[in-house]
Structure formats: structure tokens, C-alpha cells
Protein backbone atom coordinates (compact mmCIF):
# COMPACT_ATOMS: atom_id res chain seq x y z
CA MET A 1 53.76 -11.99 -33.60
CA LEU A 2 55.15 -9.10 -31.65
CA HIS A 3 53.66 -8.28 -28.17
CA PHE A 4 53.84 -4.57 -27.24
CA TYR A 5 53.29 -3.15 -23.69
CA PHE A 6 52.80 0.33 -23.50
CA ILE A 7 53.36 2.53 -20.03
CA ARG A 8 52.46 6.20 -20.24
CA HIS A 9 55.05 8.47 -18.57
CA GLY A 10 54.19 9.71 -15.41
CA GLN A 11 52.55 13.61 -14.64
CA THR A 12 54.50 16.65 -15.45
CA GLN A 13 52.98 20.18 -14.51
CA TRP A 14 51.78 20.83 -17.90
CA ASN A 15 49.54 17.98 -17.61
CA VAL A 16 48.14 19.41 -14.32
CA ASP A 17 47.73 22.89 -16.44
CA LYS A 18 46.36 21.11 -19.10
CA LYS A 19 48.75 22.41 -21.49
CA LEU A 20 49.80 20.66 -24.59
CA GLN A 21 53.15 19.30 -24.15
CA GLY A 22 53.96 17.80 -27.50
CA ARG A 23 57.73 17.96 -28.10
CA THR A 24 58.29 20.63 -25.44
CA ASP A 25 60.71 18.65 -22.89
CA ILE A 26 58.98 19.02 -19.93
CA CYS A 27 60.18 16.93 -16.67
CA LEU A 28 57.96 15.03 -14.31
CA ASN A 29 56.63 17.01 -11.02
CA GLU A 30 56.89 15.55 -7.82
CA HIS A 31 53.52 14.04 -7.83
CA GLY A 32 54.59 12.10 -11.01
CA LYS A 33 57.60 10.69 -9.82
CA GLU A 34 55.80 9.63 -6.38
CA GLN A 35 53.26 8.16 -8.88
CA ILE A 36 55.85 6.22 -11.05
CA SER A 37 57.83 5.15 -7.94
CA ASN A 38 54.89 3.55 -6.32
CA TYR A 39 54.25 1.34 -9.78
CA LYS A 40 54.90 -2.25 -9.67
CA LEU A 41 55.31 -4.07 -12.87
CA PRO A 42 53.37 -6.99 -13.49
CA ILE A 43 55.36 -10.50 -13.83
CA VAL A 44 54.73 -10.44 -17.56
CA LEU A 45 57.09 -7.52 -18.27
CA ASN A 46 60.11 -9.08 -16.00
CA ASP A 47 62.09 -10.39 -19.28
CA VAL A 48 60.80 -7.87 -22.00
CA GLN A 49 63.07 -5.46 -24.08
CA TRP A 50 62.41 -1.86 -23.09
CA PHE A 51 62.21 1.16 -25.32
CA SER A 52 61.58 4.64 -24.39
CA SER A 53 60.54 8.27 -26.20
CA PRO A 54 63.28 10.29 -25.87
CA LEU A 55 61.73 13.04 -23.97
CA LEU A 56 62.86 13.68 -20.49
CA ARG A 57 59.27 12.68 -18.91
CA ALA A 58 59.46 9.25 -20.58
CA VAL A 59 63.35 8.76 -19.86
CA GLU A 60 62.72 9.64 -16.27
CA THR A 61 59.77 7.27 -16.06
CA ALA A 62 61.85 4.45 -17.11
CA GLU A 63 64.45 5.38 -14.84
CA LEU A 64 62.00 5.44 -11.75
CA LEU A 65 60.74 1.91 -12.95
CA ASN A 66 64.40 0.87 -12.89
CA ILE A 67 64.09 0.06 -16.61
CA ALA A 68 67.32 -0.20 -19.01
CA ALA A 69 65.32 1.49 -21.96
CA THR A 70 66.64 2.42 -25.42
CA THR A 71 65.47 5.57 -26.44
CA VAL A 72 63.88 5.61 -29.88
CA PRO A 73 63.02 8.81 -31.78
CA ASP A 74 59.75 7.37 -33.32
CA LEU A 75 58.56 6.83 -29.88
CA ILE A 76 58.37 11.06 -29.41
CA GLU A 77 55.21 12.32 -28.70
CA MET A 78 53.22 14.12 -31.41
CA SER A 79 54.39 17.64 -32.44
CA TRP A 80 51.63 20.36 -31.32
CA GLY A 81 53.53 22.91 -33.37
CA CYS A 82 52.21 26.31 -32.57
CA TRP A 83 49.63 25.01 -30.19
CA GLU A 84 52.36 23.59 -27.64
CA GLY A 85 52.13 25.27 -24.41
CA LYS A 86 48.60 26.20 -24.63
CA CYS A 87 45.12 24.68 -23.44
CA ILE A 88 42.58 23.22 -25.76
CA SER A 89 40.32 25.95 -23.83
CA GLN A 90 42.53 28.82 -24.65
CA LEU A 91 42.63 27.49 -28.33
CA ARG A 92 38.92 27.62 -28.57
CA GLN A 93 38.90 31.17 -27.47
CA GLU A 94 41.33 32.45 -29.75
CA ASP A 95 39.76 30.93 -32.90
CA SER A 96 37.26 28.52 -32.15
CA GLN A 97 36.27 27.86 -35.89
CA VAL A 98 39.92 26.76 -36.60
CA CYS A 99 39.81 24.84 -33.54
CA ALA A 100 36.56 22.92 -34.01
CA GLU A 101 37.61 22.36 -37.66
CA GLN A 102 40.76 20.58 -36.40
CA GLU A 103 38.98 18.60 -33.69
CA ALA A 104 36.41 17.25 -36.19
CA ARG A 105 39.19 15.83 -38.20
CA GLY A 106 40.13 13.09 -35.41
CA LEU A 107 43.28 11.35 -36.90
CA ASP A 108 43.91 13.88 -39.28
CA LEU A 109 44.06 16.76 -36.78
CA THR A 110 46.97 18.54 -37.84
CA PRO A 111 47.86 21.92 -35.56
CA PRO A 112 49.90 24.78 -37.24
CA GLU A 113 53.51 23.60 -37.85
CA GLY A 114 52.54 20.31 -36.25
CA GLU A 115 51.70 16.58 -37.32
CA SER A 116 48.39 14.72 -37.05
CA PRO A 117 47.79 11.42 -34.77
CA ARG A 118 47.70 9.44 -38.24
CA LEU A 119 51.63 10.34 -38.83
CA VAL A 120 52.48 9.44 -35.30
CA ALA A 121 50.83 5.93 -36.00
CA GLU A 122 52.81 6.01 -39.47
CA ARG A 123 56.23 6.68 -37.72
CA VAL A 124 55.46 3.92 -34.95
CA ASN A 125 54.16 1.57 -36.97
CA TYR A 126 57.31 2.03 -39.32
CA TRP A 127 59.52 1.42 -36.38
CA ALA A 128 57.49 -1.69 -35.60
CA LEU A 129 57.89 -3.25 -38.77
CA GLN A 130 61.76 -2.74 -38.54
CA LEU A 131 61.75 -4.52 -35.23
CA GLU A 132 59.53 -7.26 -36.56
CA ALA A 133 62.25 -7.66 -39.30
CA ILE A 134 64.86 -7.92 -37.06
CA THR A 135 63.00 -10.32 -34.80
CA GLU A 136 62.48 -12.80 -37.73
CA GLN A 137 66.43 -12.65 -38.49
CA SER A 138 67.19 -13.30 -35.09
CA THR A 139 64.60 -16.39 -34.91
CA VAL A 140 66.70 -18.15 -37.29
CA LEU A 141 69.66 -17.68 -34.52
CA ASN A 142 67.16 -18.95 -31.99
CA ASN A 143 67.73 -15.75 -30.25
CA SER A 144 64.75 -13.64 -30.48
CA LYS A 145 62.67 -11.63 -28.08
CA THR A 146 59.19 -11.14 -29.26
CA ASN A 147 57.92 -9.11 -26.19
CA PHE A 148 58.66 -5.42 -25.79
CA GLY A 149 57.96 -2.51 -23.48
CA CYS A 150 57.64 1.29 -24.43
CA VAL A 151 57.43 4.11 -22.21
CA SER A 152 56.03 6.88 -24.13
CA HIS A 153 53.03 9.06 -24.50
CA LYS A 154 49.28 8.29 -25.19
CA GLY A 155 50.04 7.78 -28.80
CA ALA A 156 47.82 6.64 -31.73
CA ILE A 157 48.54 2.77 -31.42
CA TYR A 158 45.05 2.10 -29.72
CA ALA A 159 43.25 4.07 -32.55
CA LEU A 160 44.86 1.87 -34.96
CA ALA A 161 44.18 -1.40 -33.24
CA THR A 162 40.45 -0.56 -32.62
CA GLY A 163 39.84 0.93 -36.04
CA TRP A 164 38.75 4.24 -33.83
CA ASP A 165 38.90 7.43 -36.04
CA MET A 166 39.55 9.73 -32.94
CA LYS A 167 36.26 11.22 -33.22
CA GLY A 168 33.85 11.09 -30.25
CA LYS A 169 34.26 8.74 -27.35
CA SER A 170 36.87 6.07 -27.59
CA PRO A 171 35.30 2.47 -27.61
CA ASP A 172 37.32 1.82 -24.33
CA LYS A 173 38.11 3.82 -21.10
CA LEU A 174 42.10 3.67 -20.87
CA ASP A 175 43.47 4.02 -17.70
CA PHE A 176 46.98 5.74 -18.36
CA HIS A 177 48.17 4.56 -15.00
CA CYS A 178 47.81 1.01 -16.45
CA CYS A 179 49.87 -0.84 -19.03
CA GLN A 180 48.45 -1.50 -22.52
CA HIS A 181 49.10 -4.74 -24.33
CA PHE A 182 49.11 -4.84 -27.97
CA TYR A 183 49.66 -7.58 -30.85
CA PHE A 184 51.75 -6.52 -33.77
CA GLU A 185 51.96 -8.62 -36.86
CA ASN A 186 52.90 -7.40 -40.46
CA GLY A 187 52.00 -3.75 -40.12
CA VAL A 188 48.52 -4.96 -38.33
CA TRP A 189 47.83 -3.88 -34.38
CA LEU A 190 45.36 -5.56 -32.35
CA VAL A 191 44.32 -5.14 -28.77
CA ALA A 192 45.49 -7.83 -26.62
CA GLU A 193 44.80 -6.63 -23.06
CA LEU A 194 43.85 -3.07 -21.56
CA ASN A 195 44.24 -1.57 -18.45
CA ILE A 196 46.93 -4.14 -16.84
CA LYS A 197 47.27 -2.80 -13.22
CA LEU A 198 50.78 -1.27 -12.43
CA CYS A 199 50.03 -0.78 -8.70
């Protein structure tokens, strides 16, 4: 069984403006940098192998945490396609019917020219399966790490781990200034511990 610890990137100006970022490569703002600089990683994260989304906001977060993280394309944020740079409120005004129909799809919400949370979950799941296979091979050599840290985005792993369809409120309130710990085995995600304090 693998253990994954997810930390969300720090604040960007687009977060403040409530704009959908997606693949748009926005850097951390000054508050975001200060926010991350004040984090203190718990002892359990002292000996984990780190990965990060290739987007600047995640890479900067890892650097501020003094984490030597390998960037992984599969950990990139969901593509919001034509909706990137817009606010949900703006989209609701522009075309309330289309927006409402998409929001009602939950995990299968797919912005024009974008991807769905379900597709995001599938690519992260595929990456985790590959990592699991490598780990199993390394176990034979008695040189295996089973604890991994990821600096990324909100992601859809929580939905996979809880069976939440992303319609309505989530079963738990996630604090994105905390670390989220999940178990992974044979393609199945389970919640281990949520909202592990970072400061």
C-alpha cells in the first residue's frame, strides 16, 4: 500500500480574483509566498519522495518548502479550456443554461475545449499505478519507498477516495492550507487522514 500526501499550491492573484486558472501558468502572489514560507512540514513528511505539478505555482510552492520535487505532467491542473481566466459568476451571466448544465454534471463537468475532473482523476490514477508497479519491483531489492508527497492542485483524488460525485457539498470540509493523506492500492484510493496541519 502506498501513502500519498497532497499539499495544494499557495495563493495566486487569480485565486484572489476567483478566476479559473487551469493550465494557465500563474505564479504565486506575495501573500501566497508568505503563506507557504510559514508552513512547517510535519515529521511524517521528513522522509518521503516528492513530486509536483509542472505549473509555476506548484513548483514555487515546493521551492519555498525546500522540497526537491520531481515535476510530473500527470499532476497538472485540470484544463478549463475556454473558461480559463473567467469567474464562475461571469460564466453564469454569459450563458446560465450551459453553465448550470455543466455544474450539474459533477465529476463529468467538461468546459469547452477542456477536460473533466473524472479525466484528471484517471490520469493521476494511471500515474499512481505506474509508481506502484515501480515500488513493487524495488521491494524485491529491499529499496522501496512507499510514502510520497505531491505539491499540486485541488484535484479529484478526494472524490475518488470518498465516492463523492462532486455534486452538492463534499462529505468533508477540506482545508487547503493543510496536507491531505490518502492510501492507494491496486487503483483504489482511500482517505487516511484529512487536514493535517502545516502551520
